[in-house]
Amino acid sequence: IENSQLLNKIRELSIAPAGNDEELDEVN
C-alpha cells in the first residue's frame, strides 16, 4: 500500500495477536 505507485498514506496502524493458540502467526 505504501510503496506502490498510487499515493496512499497509512495512519493509526494497530496489530494484535488473534488469540488463537493453534495459529500463532494470525493477527488482527
Full PDB file with SEQRES, HELIX, SHEET, SSBOND, CRYST1, ORIGX, SCALE, CONECT and MASTER records, all heavy atoms in Angstrom:
SEQRES   1 A   28  ILE GLU ASN SER GLN LEU LEU ASN LYS ILE ARG GLU LEU          
SEQRES   2 A   28  SER ILE ALA PRO ALA GLY ASN ASP GLU GLU LEU ASP GLU          
SEQRES   3 A   28  VAL ASN                                                      
CRYST1    1.000    1.000    1.000  90.00  90.00  90.00 P 1           1          
ORIGX1      1.000000  0.000000  0.000000        0.00000                         
ORIGX2      0.000000  1.000000  0.000000        0.00000                         
ORIGX3      0.000000  0.000000  1.000000        0.00000                         
SCALE1      1.000000  0.000000  0.000000        0.00000                         
SCALE2      0.000000  1.000000  0.000000        0.00000                         
SCALE3      0.000000  0.000000  1.000000        0.00000                         
ATOM      1  N   ILE A   1       0.841  -1.202   0.000  1.00  0.00           N  
ATOM      2  CA  ILE A   1       0.000   0.000   0.000  1.00  0.00           C  
ATOM      3  C   ILE A   1       0.873   1.246   0.000  1.00  0.00           C  
ATOM      4  O   ILE A   1       0.623   2.200  -0.739  1.00  0.00           O  
ATOM      5  CB  ILE A   1      -0.942  -0.004   1.222  1.00  0.00           C  
ATOM      6  CG1 ILE A   1      -2.025  -1.086   1.066  1.00  0.00           C  
ATOM      7  CG2 ILE A   1      -1.607   1.368   1.398  1.00  0.00           C  
ATOM      8  CD1 ILE A   1      -2.934  -1.212   2.269  1.00  0.00           C  
ATOM      9  N   GLU A   2       1.911   1.255   0.823  1.00  0.00           N  
ATOM     10  CA  GLU A   2       2.726   2.457   0.972  1.00  0.00           C  
ATOM     11  C   GLU A   2       3.765   2.615  -0.129  1.00  0.00           C  
ATOM     12  O   GLU A   2       4.188   3.739  -0.411  1.00  0.00           O  
ATOM     13  CB  GLU A   2       3.416   2.447   2.338  1.00  0.00           C  
ATOM     14  CG  GLU A   2       2.442   2.601   3.501  1.00  0.00           C  
ATOM     15  CD  GLU A   2       3.123   3.070   4.760  1.00  0.00           C  
ATOM     16  OE1 GLU A   2       4.262   2.616   5.008  1.00  0.00           O  
ATOM     17  OE2 GLU A   2       2.523   3.868   5.495  1.00  0.00           O  
ATOM     18  N   ASN A   3       4.200   1.531  -0.769  1.00  0.00           N  
ATOM     19  CA  ASN A   3       5.289   1.618  -1.739  1.00  0.00           C  
ATOM     20  C   ASN A   3       4.855   1.490  -3.188  1.00  0.00           C  
ATOM     21  O   ASN A   3       5.664   1.750  -4.085  1.00  0.00           O  
ATOM     22  CB  ASN A   3       6.343   0.549  -1.436  1.00  0.00           C  
ATOM     23  CG  ASN A   3       7.116   0.835  -0.167  1.00  0.00           C  
ATOM     24  OD1 ASN A   3       7.966   1.714  -0.123  1.00  0.00           O  
ATOM     25  ND2 ASN A   3       6.819   0.085   0.886  1.00  0.00           N  
ATOM     26  N   SER A   4       3.612   1.109  -3.450  1.00  0.00           N  
ATOM     27  CA  SER A   4       3.145   1.011  -4.828  1.00  0.00           C  
ATOM     28  C   SER A   4       2.919   2.394  -5.415  1.00  0.00           C  
ATOM     29  O   SER A   4       3.006   3.413  -4.731  1.00  0.00           O  
ATOM     30  CB  SER A   4       1.874   0.160  -4.895  1.00  0.00           C  
ATOM     31  OG  SER A   4       2.159  -1.185  -4.556  1.00  0.00           O  
ATOM     32  N   GLN A   5       2.610   2.441  -6.717  1.00  0.00           N  
ATOM     33  CA  GLN A   5       2.637   3.703  -7.451  1.00  0.00           C  
ATOM     34  C   GLN A   5       1.566   4.686  -7.000  1.00  0.00           C  
ATOM     35  O   GLN A   5       1.836   5.881  -6.888  1.00  0.00           O  
ATOM     36  CB  GLN A   5       2.483   3.417  -8.941  1.00  0.00           C  
ATOM     37  CG  GLN A   5       2.736   4.635  -9.817  1.00  0.00           C  
ATOM     38  CD  GLN A   5       2.715   4.275 -11.282  1.00  0.00           C  
ATOM     39  OE1 GLN A   5       2.216   3.232 -11.670  1.00  0.00           O  
ATOM     40  NE2 GLN A   5       3.247   5.147 -12.112  1.00  0.00           N  
ATOM     41  N   LEU A   6       0.356   4.236  -6.751  1.00  0.00           N  
ATOM     42  CA  LEU A   6      -0.700   5.150  -6.329  1.00  0.00           C  
ATOM     43  C   LEU A   6      -0.415   5.646  -4.916  1.00  0.00           C  
ATOM     44  O   LEU A   6      -0.001   4.872  -4.050  1.00  0.00           O  
ATOM     45  CB  LEU A   6      -2.057   4.449  -6.392  1.00  0.00           C  
ATOM     46  CG  LEU A   6      -2.535   4.106  -7.806  1.00  0.00           C  
ATOM     47  CD1 LEU A   6      -3.818   3.295  -7.760  1.00  0.00           C  
ATOM     48  CD2 LEU A   6      -2.728   5.364  -8.631  1.00  0.00           C  
ATOM     49  N   LEU A   7      -0.649   6.934  -4.689  1.00  0.00           N  
ATOM     50  CA  LEU A   7      -0.234   7.584  -3.447  1.00  0.00           C  
ATOM     51  C   LEU A   7      -1.247   7.340  -2.332  1.00  0.00           C  
ATOM     52  O   LEU A   7      -2.390   7.807  -2.398  1.00  0.00           O  
ATOM     53  CB  LEU A   7      -0.047   9.088  -3.673  1.00  0.00           C  
ATOM     54  CG  LEU A   7       0.441   9.892  -2.480  1.00  0.00           C  
ATOM     55  CD1 LEU A   7       1.754   9.338  -1.951  1.00  0.00           C  
ATOM     56  CD2 LEU A   7       0.602  11.364  -2.859  1.00  0.00           C  
ATOM     57  N   ASN A   8      -0.814   6.606  -1.308  1.00  0.00           N  
ATOM     58  CA  ASN A   8      -1.625   6.318  -0.134  1.00  0.00           C  
ATOM     59  C   ASN A   8      -0.796   6.541   1.121  1.00  0.00           C  
ATOM     60  O   ASN A   8       0.421   6.347   1.118  1.00  0.00           O  
ATOM     61  CB  ASN A   8      -2.117   4.858  -0.148  1.00  0.00           C  
ATOM     62  CG  ASN A   8      -3.061   4.570  -1.287  1.00  0.00           C  
ATOM     63  OD1 ASN A   8      -4.257   4.791  -1.203  1.00  0.00           O  
ATOM     64  ND2 ASN A   8      -2.519   4.057  -2.387  1.00  0.00           N  
ATOM     65  N   LYS A   9      -1.463   6.921   2.185  1.00  0.00           N  
ATOM     66  CA  LYS A   9      -0.794   7.123   3.470  1.00  0.00           C  
ATOM     67  C   LYS A   9      -1.580   6.396   4.554  1.00  0.00           C  
ATOM     68  O   LYS A   9      -2.793   6.569   4.681  1.00  0.00           O  
ATOM     69  CB  LYS A   9      -0.704   8.618   3.801  1.00  0.00           C  
ATOM     70  CG  LYS A   9      -0.032   8.897   5.129  1.00  0.00           C  
ATOM     71  CD  LYS A   9       0.022  10.395   5.403  1.00  0.00           C  
ATOM     72  CE  LYS A   9       0.679  10.675   6.750  1.00  0.00           C  
ATOM     73  NZ  LYS A   9       0.715  12.130   7.047  1.00  0.00           N  
ATOM     74  N   ILE A  10      -0.861   5.571   5.339  1.00  0.00           N  
ATOM     75  CA  ILE A  10      -1.486   4.801   6.418  1.00  0.00           C  
ATOM     76  C   ILE A  10      -1.284   5.525   7.736  1.00  0.00           C  
ATOM     77  O   ILE A  10      -0.197   5.986   8.052  1.00  0.00           O  
ATOM     78  CB  ILE A  10      -0.894   3.382   6.479  1.00  0.00           C  
ATOM     79  CG1 ILE A  10      -1.338   2.581   5.247  1.00  0.00           C  
ATOM     80  CG2 ILE A  10      -1.304   2.657   7.752  1.00  0.00           C  
ATOM     81  CD1 ILE A  10      -0.769   1.190   5.180  1.00  0.00           C  
ATOM     82  N   ARG A  11      -2.365   5.623   8.519  1.00  0.00           N  
ATOM     83  CA  ARG A  11      -2.302   6.241   9.839  1.00  0.00           C  
ATOM     84  C   ARG A  11      -2.921   5.306  10.882  1.00  0.00           C  
ATOM     85  O   ARG A  11      -3.767   4.482  10.567  1.00  0.00           O  
ATOM     86  CB  ARG A  11      -3.077   7.568   9.859  1.00  0.00           C  
ATOM     87  CG  ARG A  11      -2.558   8.619   8.914  1.00  0.00           C  
ATOM     88  CD  ARG A  11      -3.352   9.916   9.029  1.00  0.00           C  
ATOM     89  NE  ARG A  11      -4.713   9.783   8.528  1.00  0.00           N  
ATOM     90  CZ  ARG A  11      -5.800   9.708   9.276  1.00  0.00           C  
ATOM     91  NH1 ARG A  11      -5.698   9.742  10.606  1.00  0.00           N  
ATOM     92  NH2 ARG A  11      -6.994   9.597   8.733  1.00  0.00           N  
ATOM     93  N   GLU A  12      -2.466   5.457  12.110  1.00  0.00           N  
ATOM     94  CA  GLU A  12      -3.065   4.759  13.263  1.00  0.00           C  
ATOM     95  C   GLU A  12      -3.122   3.247  13.049  1.00  0.00           C  
ATOM     96  O   GLU A  12      -4.156   2.615  13.282  1.00  0.00           O  
ATOM     97  CB  GLU A  12      -4.453   5.330  13.555  1.00  0.00           C  
ATOM     98  CG  GLU A  12      -4.445   6.826  13.842  1.00  0.00           C  
ATOM     99  CD  GLU A  12      -5.836   7.390  14.082  1.00  0.00           C  
ATOM    100  OE1 GLU A  12      -6.749   6.593  14.398  1.00  0.00           O  
ATOM    101  OE2 GLU A  12      -6.013   8.611  13.944  1.00  0.00           O  
ATOM    102  N   LEU A  13      -2.014   2.678  12.614  1.00  0.00           N  
ATOM    103  CA  LEU A  13      -1.947   1.237  12.396  1.00  0.00           C  
ATOM    104  C   LEU A  13      -1.918   0.491  13.730  1.00  0.00           C  
ATOM    105  O   LEU A  13      -1.167   0.841  14.632  1.00  0.00           O  
ATOM    106  CB  LEU A  13      -0.699   0.895  11.586  1.00  0.00           C  
ATOM    107  CG  LEU A  13      -0.394  -0.593  11.373  1.00  0.00           C  
ATOM    108  CD1 LEU A  13      -1.503  -1.259  10.567  1.00  0.00           C  
ATOM    109  CD2 LEU A  13       0.952  -0.772  10.689  1.00  0.00           C  
ATOM    110  N   SER A  14      -2.750  -0.534  13.842  1.00  0.00           N  
ATOM    111  CA  SER A  14      -2.801  -1.353  15.055  1.00  0.00           C  
ATOM    112  C   SER A  14      -2.778  -2.824  14.654  1.00  0.00           C  
ATOM    113  O   SER A  14      -3.547  -3.249  13.777  1.00  0.00           O  
ATOM    114  CB  SER A  14      -4.080  -1.046  15.852  1.00  0.00           C  
ATOM    115  OG  SER A  14      -4.228  -1.948  16.934  1.00  0.00           O  
ATOM    116  N   ILE A  15      -1.854  -3.595  15.264  1.00  0.00           N  
ATOM    117  CA  ILE A  15      -1.751  -5.035  15.007  1.00  0.00           C  
ATOM    118  C   ILE A  15      -1.701  -5.757  16.345  1.00  0.00           C  
ATOM    119  O   ILE A  15      -0.943  -5.363  17.234  1.00  0.00           O  
ATOM    120  CB  ILE A  15      -0.498  -5.377  14.180  1.00  0.00           C  
ATOM    121  CG1 ILE A  15      -0.566  -4.702  12.804  1.00  0.00           C  
ATOM    122  CG2 ILE A  15      -0.341  -6.877  14.011  1.00  0.00           C  
ATOM    123  CD1 ILE A  15       0.648  -4.970  11.929  1.00  0.00           C  
ATOM    124  N   ALA A  16      -2.493  -6.814  16.489  1.00  0.00           N  
ATOM    125  CA  ALA A  16      -2.545  -7.557  17.754  1.00  0.00           C  
ATOM    126  C   ALA A  16      -2.725  -9.034  17.452  1.00  0.00           C  
ATOM    127  O   ALA A  16      -3.308  -9.404  16.421  1.00  0.00           O  
ATOM    128  CB  ALA A  16      -3.687  -7.055  18.632  1.00  0.00           C  
ATOM    129  N   PRO A  17      -2.223  -9.924  18.321  1.00  0.00           N  
ATOM    130  CA  PRO A  17      -2.426 -11.361  18.108  1.00  0.00           C  
ATOM    131  C   PRO A  17      -3.906 -11.697  18.047  1.00  0.00           C  
ATOM    132  O   PRO A  17      -4.737 -11.090  18.744  1.00  0.00           O  
ATOM    133  CB  PRO A  17      -1.756 -11.994  19.336  1.00  0.00           C  
ATOM    134  CG  PRO A  17      -0.815 -10.958  19.860  1.00  0.00           C  
ATOM    135  CD  PRO A  17      -1.441  -9.636  19.543  1.00  0.00           C  
ATOM    136  N   ALA A  18      -4.221 -12.672  17.199  1.00  0.00           N  
ATOM    137  CA  ALA A  18      -5.625 -13.064  17.055  1.00  0.00           C  
ATOM    138  C   ALA A  18      -6.122 -13.868  18.241  1.00  0.00           C  
ATOM    139  O   ALA A  18      -7.327 -14.072  18.401  1.00  0.00           O  
ATOM    140  CB  ALA A  18      -5.814 -13.855  15.762  1.00  0.00           C  
ATOM    141  N   GLY A  19      -5.192 -14.374  19.087  1.00  0.00           N  
ATOM    142  CA  GLY A  19      -5.596 -15.110  20.282  1.00  0.00           C  
ATOM    143  C   GLY A  19      -5.874 -16.577  20.037  1.00  0.00           C  
ATOM    144  O   GLY A  19      -6.470 -17.252  20.880  1.00  0.00           O  
ATOM    145  N   ASN A  20      -5.431 -17.092  18.899  1.00  0.00           N  
ATOM    146  CA  ASN A  20      -5.647 -18.491  18.556  1.00  0.00           C  
ATOM    147  C   ASN A  20      -4.351 -19.252  18.802  1.00  0.00           C  
ATOM    148  O   ASN A  20      -3.345 -19.033  18.148  1.00  0.00           O  
ATOM    149  CB  ASN A  20      -6.062 -18.615  17.089  1.00  0.00           C  
ATOM    150  CG  ASN A  20      -6.475 -20.023  16.717  1.00  0.00           C  
ATOM    151  OD1 ASN A  20      -6.175 -20.983  17.430  1.00  0.00           O  
ATOM    152  ND2 ASN A  20      -7.166 -20.145  15.602  1.00  0.00           N  
ATOM    153  N   ASP A  21      -4.361 -20.177  19.792  1.00  0.00           N  
ATOM    154  CA  ASP A  21      -3.146 -20.922  20.143  1.00  0.00           C  
ATOM    155  C   ASP A  21      -2.669 -21.824  19.009  1.00  0.00           C  
ATOM    156  O   ASP A  21      -1.494 -22.164  18.926  1.00  0.00           O  
ATOM    157  CB  ASP A  21      -3.388 -21.764  21.399  1.00  0.00           C  
ATOM    158  CG  ASP A  21      -3.549 -20.893  22.640  1.00  0.00           C  
ATOM    159  OD1 ASP A  21      -3.113 -19.731  22.585  1.00  0.00           O  
ATOM    160  OD2 ASP A  21      -4.124 -21.370  23.632  1.00  0.00           O  
ATOM    161  N   GLU A  22      -3.573 -22.225  18.129  1.00  0.00           N  
ATOM    162  CA  GLU A  22      -3.190 -23.116  17.037  1.00  0.00           C  
ATOM    163  C   GLU A  22      -2.615 -22.336  15.843  1.00  0.00           C  
ATOM    164  O   GLU A  22      -1.864 -22.887  15.051  1.00  0.00           O  
ATOM    165  CB  GLU A  22      -4.402 -23.933  16.587  1.00  0.00           C  
ATOM    166  CG  GLU A  22      -4.925 -24.883  17.669  1.00  0.00           C  
ATOM    167  CD  GLU A  22      -6.106 -25.693  17.167  1.00  0.00           C  
ATOM    168  OE1 GLU A  22      -6.524 -25.462  16.011  1.00  0.00           O  
ATOM    169  OE2 GLU A  22      -6.593 -26.547  17.926  1.00  0.00           O  
ATOM    170  N   GLU A  23      -2.992 -21.080  15.696  1.00  0.00           N  
ATOM    171  CA  GLU A  23      -2.497 -20.239  14.601  1.00  0.00           C  
ATOM    172  C   GLU A  23      -1.762 -19.053  15.204  1.00  0.00           C  
ATOM    173  O   GLU A  23      -2.285 -17.935  15.280  1.00  0.00           O  
ATOM    174  CB  GLU A  23      -3.664 -19.776  13.716  1.00  0.00           C  
ATOM    175  CG  GLU A  23      -4.453 -20.885  13.058  1.00  0.00           C  
ATOM    176  CD  GLU A  23      -3.639 -21.612  12.004  1.00  0.00           C  
ATOM    177  OE1 GLU A  23      -2.622 -21.049  11.560  1.00  0.00           O  
ATOM    178  OE2 GLU A  23      -4.023 -22.723  11.619  1.00  0.00           O  
ATOM    179  N   LEU A  24      -0.515 -19.275  15.635  1.00  0.00           N  
ATOM    180  CA  LEU A  24       0.214 -18.248  16.375  1.00  0.00           C  
ATOM    181  C   LEU A  24       0.631 -17.076  15.491  1.00  0.00           C  
ATOM    182  O   LEU A  24       0.935 -16.003  16.008  1.00  0.00           O  
ATOM    183  CB  LEU A  24       1.460 -18.873  17.027  1.00  0.00           C  
ATOM    184  CG  LEU A  24       1.172 -19.977  18.055  1.00  0.00           C  
ATOM    185  CD1 LEU A  24       2.468 -20.577  18.554  1.00  0.00           C  
ATOM    186  CD2 LEU A  24       0.357 -19.428  19.214  1.00  0.00           C  
ATOM    187  N   ASP A  25       0.662 -17.272  14.174  1.00  0.00           N  
ATOM    188  CA  ASP A  25       1.038 -16.186  13.272  1.00  0.00           C  
ATOM    189  C   ASP A  25      -0.158 -15.351  12.825  1.00  0.00           C  
ATOM    190  O   ASP A  25       0.006 -14.377  12.093  1.00  0.00           O  
ATOM    191  CB  ASP A  25       1.753 -16.742  12.034  1.00  0.00           C  
ATOM    192  CG  ASP A  25       3.253 -16.867  12.258  1.00  0.00           C  
ATOM    193  OD1 ASP A  25       3.808 -15.993  12.931  1.00  0.00           O  
ATOM    194  OD2 ASP A  25       3.846 -17.838  11.766  1.00  0.00           O  
ATOM    195  N   GLU A  26      -1.370 -15.726  13.252  1.00  0.00           N  
ATOM    196  CA  GLU A  26      -2.553 -14.968  12.862  1.00  0.00           C  
ATOM    197  C   GLU A  26      -2.681 -13.709  13.716  1.00  0.00           C  
ATOM    198  O   GLU A  26      -2.514 -13.755  14.939  1.00  0.00           O  
ATOM    199  CB  GLU A  26      -3.810 -15.827  13.010  1.00  0.00           C  
ATOM    200  CG  GLU A  26      -3.872 -17.009  12.062  1.00  0.00           C  
ATOM    201  CD  GLU A  26      -3.991 -16.559  10.619  1.00  0.00           C  
ATOM    202  OE1 GLU A  26      -4.823 -15.679  10.337  1.00  0.00           O  
ATOM    203  OE2 GLU A  26      -3.236 -17.082   9.772  1.00  0.00           O  
ATOM    204  N   VAL A  27      -2.954 -12.564  13.073  1.00  0.00           N  
ATOM    205  CA  VAL A  27      -3.091 -11.295  13.790  1.00  0.00           C  
ATOM    206  C   VAL A  27      -4.327 -10.559  13.297  1.00  0.00           C  
ATOM    207  O   VAL A  27      -4.808 -10.759  12.176  1.00  0.00           O  
ATOM    208  CB  VAL A  27      -1.851 -10.405  13.589  1.00  0.00           C  
ATOM    209  CG1 VAL A  27      -0.622 -11.027  14.214  1.00  0.00           C  
ATOM    210  CG2 VAL A  27      -1.617 -10.109  12.113  1.00  0.00           C  
ATOM    211  N   ASN A  28      -4.854  -9.705  14.174  1.00  0.00           N  
ATOM    212  CA  ASN A  28      -5.893  -8.750  13.799  1.00  0.00           C  
ATOM    213  C   ASN A  28      -5.226  -7.402  13.544  1.00  0.00           C  
ATOM    214  O   ASN A  28      -4.232  -7.054  14.188  1.00  0.00           O  
ATOM    215  CB  ASN A  28      -6.925  -8.611  14.910  1.00  0.00           C  
ATOM    216  CG  ASN A  28      -7.672  -9.913  15.164  1.00  0.00           C  
ATOM    217  OD1 ASN A  28      -7.967 -10.653  14.236  1.00  0.00           O  
ATOM    218  ND2 ASN A  28      -7.972 -10.187  16.421  1.00  0.00           N  
TER     219      ASN A  28                                                      
MASTER        0    0    0    0    0    0    0    6  218    1    0    3          
END                                                                             
